Amino acid sequence: MAVPRDRDSSFEPKLVKKGKTRIDGIDDNIIGLYAAGLSVRDIQTHLEDL
């Protein structure tokens, strides 16, 4: 499978912005889900659905 190149930097990511490695606020959401009683597997499934 060939990965397309973006040599002129025209691609703008939607989920994790350029120059960032994490999604803002996701840590608080995960802690909230865990505090609400969801298991780690439930949280993983929830994030994969998003």
N, C-alpha and C. Protein backbone atom coordinates (compact mmCIF):
# COMPACT_ATOMS: atom_id res chain seq x y z
N MET A 1 0.85 -1.18 0.00
CA MET A 1 0.00 0.00 0.00
C MET A 1 0.89 1.24 0.00
N ALA A 2 0.73 2.09 -0.97
CA ALA A 2 1.52 3.30 -1.09
C ALA A 2 0.88 4.43 -0.28
N VAL A 3 1.70 5.14 0.48
CA VAL A 3 1.23 6.26 1.27
C VAL A 3 1.38 7.53 0.44
N PRO A 4 0.29 8.31 0.27
CA PRO A 4 0.41 9.53 -0.52
C PRO A 4 1.31 10.57 0.16
N ARG A 5 2.04 11.32 -0.62
CA ARG A 5 2.96 12.34 -0.10
C ARG A 5 2.27 13.70 -0.08
N ASP A 6 2.67 14.54 0.86
CA ASP A 6 2.14 15.90 0.97
C ASP A 6 3.32 16.86 0.94
N ARG A 7 3.94 16.97 -0.20
CA ARG A 7 5.18 17.73 -0.30
C ARG A 7 4.99 19.24 -0.14
N ASP A 8 3.81 19.76 -0.47
CA ASP A 8 3.60 21.20 -0.33
C ASP A 8 2.86 21.56 0.96
N SER A 9 2.71 20.60 1.87
CA SER A 9 2.07 20.79 3.18
C SER A 9 0.65 21.36 3.07
N SER A 10 -0.10 20.85 2.11
CA SER A 10 -1.47 21.34 1.92
C SER A 10 -2.48 20.57 2.78
N PHE A 11 -2.06 19.44 3.35
CA PHE A 11 -2.96 18.63 4.17
C PHE A 11 -3.11 19.26 5.55
N GLU A 12 -4.34 19.42 5.99
CA GLU A 12 -4.61 19.96 7.33
C GLU A 12 -5.33 18.88 8.13
N PRO A 13 -4.65 18.27 9.11
CA PRO A 13 -5.29 17.21 9.91
C PRO A 13 -6.47 17.76 10.71
N LYS A 14 -7.48 16.91 10.91
CA LYS A 14 -8.68 17.35 11.61
C LYS A 14 -8.70 16.95 13.08
N LEU A 15 -8.11 15.80 13.41
CA LEU A 15 -8.21 15.31 14.79
C LEU A 15 -7.08 15.85 15.66
N VAL A 16 -5.84 15.60 15.26
CA VAL A 16 -4.67 16.10 15.98
C VAL A 16 -4.01 17.13 15.08
N LYS A 17 -4.01 18.38 15.49
CA LYS A 17 -3.50 19.47 14.66
C LYS A 17 -2.00 19.36 14.42
N LYS A 18 -1.53 20.06 13.42
CA LYS A 18 -0.11 20.04 13.09
C LYS A 18 0.71 20.54 14.29
N GLY A 19 1.82 19.87 14.54
CA GLY A 19 2.71 20.27 15.63
C GLY A 19 2.29 19.76 16.99
N LYS A 20 1.15 19.08 17.08
CA LYS A 20 0.68 18.55 18.36
C LYS A 20 0.78 17.04 18.34
N THR A 21 0.90 16.45 19.51
CA THR A 21 0.95 15.00 19.61
C THR A 21 -0.22 14.44 20.40
N ARG A 22 -1.03 15.32 20.98
CA ARG A 22 -2.16 14.88 21.79
C ARG A 22 -3.38 15.71 21.45
N ILE A 23 -4.55 15.17 21.74
CA ILE A 23 -5.81 15.88 21.54
C ILE A 23 -6.11 16.66 22.82
N ASP A 24 -6.41 17.94 22.68
CA ASP A 24 -6.70 18.78 23.85
C ASP A 24 -7.93 18.26 24.59
N GLY A 25 -7.80 18.07 25.90
CA GLY A 25 -8.91 17.69 26.75
C GLY A 25 -9.22 16.21 26.79
N ILE A 26 -8.53 15.40 26.00
CA ILE A 26 -8.86 13.97 25.97
C ILE A 26 -8.52 13.29 27.29
N ASP A 27 -7.46 13.74 27.95
CA ASP A 27 -7.07 13.13 29.23
C ASP A 27 -8.18 13.28 30.27
N ASP A 28 -8.77 14.47 30.33
CA ASP A 28 -9.85 14.71 31.29
C ASP A 28 -11.06 13.84 30.97
N ASN A 29 -11.35 13.66 29.68
CA ASN A 29 -12.48 12.81 29.30
C ASN A 29 -12.24 11.36 29.69
N ILE A 30 -11.02 10.87 29.48
CA ILE A 30 -10.71 9.49 29.83
C ILE A 30 -10.80 9.28 31.33
N ILE A 31 -10.27 10.23 32.11
CA ILE A 31 -10.35 10.13 33.57
C ILE A 31 -11.80 10.15 34.02
N GLY A 32 -12.61 10.99 33.39
CA GLY A 32 -14.03 11.04 33.72
C GLY A 32 -14.76 9.74 33.44
N LEU A 33 -14.45 9.12 32.31
CA LEU A 33 -15.06 7.83 31.98
C LEU A 33 -14.63 6.76 32.98
N TYR A 34 -13.36 6.77 33.34
CA TYR A 34 -12.84 5.80 34.30
C TYR A 34 -13.49 6.02 35.67
N ALA A 35 -13.65 7.28 36.08
CA ALA A 35 -14.27 7.59 37.36
C ALA A 35 -15.75 7.21 37.37
N ALA A 36 -16.37 7.21 36.19
CA ALA A 36 -17.79 6.84 36.10
C ALA A 36 -17.99 5.33 36.17
N GLY A 37 -16.89 4.57 36.20
CA GLY A 37 -17.01 3.14 36.38
C GLY A 37 -16.76 2.32 35.13
N LEU A 38 -16.40 2.94 34.02
CA LEU A 38 -16.10 2.19 32.81
C LEU A 38 -14.75 1.50 32.96
N SER A 39 -14.66 0.32 32.41
CA SER A 39 -13.39 -0.39 32.44
C SER A 39 -12.47 0.18 31.36
N VAL A 40 -11.20 -0.18 31.45
CA VAL A 40 -10.24 0.29 30.45
C VAL A 40 -10.65 -0.21 29.06
N ARG A 41 -11.14 -1.44 28.99
CA ARG A 41 -11.60 -2.00 27.71
C ARG A 41 -12.81 -1.23 27.17
N ASP A 42 -13.74 -0.85 28.06
CA ASP A 42 -14.90 -0.06 27.64
C ASP A 42 -14.48 1.30 27.11
N ILE A 43 -13.52 1.92 27.77
CA ILE A 43 -13.02 3.23 27.33
C ILE A 43 -12.33 3.09 25.98
N GLN A 44 -11.55 2.04 25.79
CA GLN A 44 -10.88 1.80 24.51
C GLN A 44 -11.90 1.63 23.40
N THR A 45 -12.92 0.84 23.65
CA THR A 45 -13.97 0.64 22.65
C THR A 45 -14.68 1.95 22.33
N HIS A 46 -14.95 2.74 23.35
CA HIS A 46 -15.61 4.04 23.16
C HIS A 46 -14.76 4.95 22.29
N LEU A 47 -13.47 5.02 22.54
CA LEU A 47 -12.58 5.87 21.76
C LEU A 47 -12.44 5.37 20.33
N GLU A 48 -12.42 4.06 20.13
CA GLU A 48 -12.35 3.51 18.77
C GLU A 48 -13.61 3.85 17.99
N ASP A 49 -14.77 3.90 18.67
CA ASP A 49 -16.02 4.26 18.00
C ASP A 49 -16.04 5.72 17.58
N LEU A 50 -15.36 6.56 18.37
CA LEU A 50 -15.31 7.98 18.01
C LEU A 50 -14.48 8.17 16.77
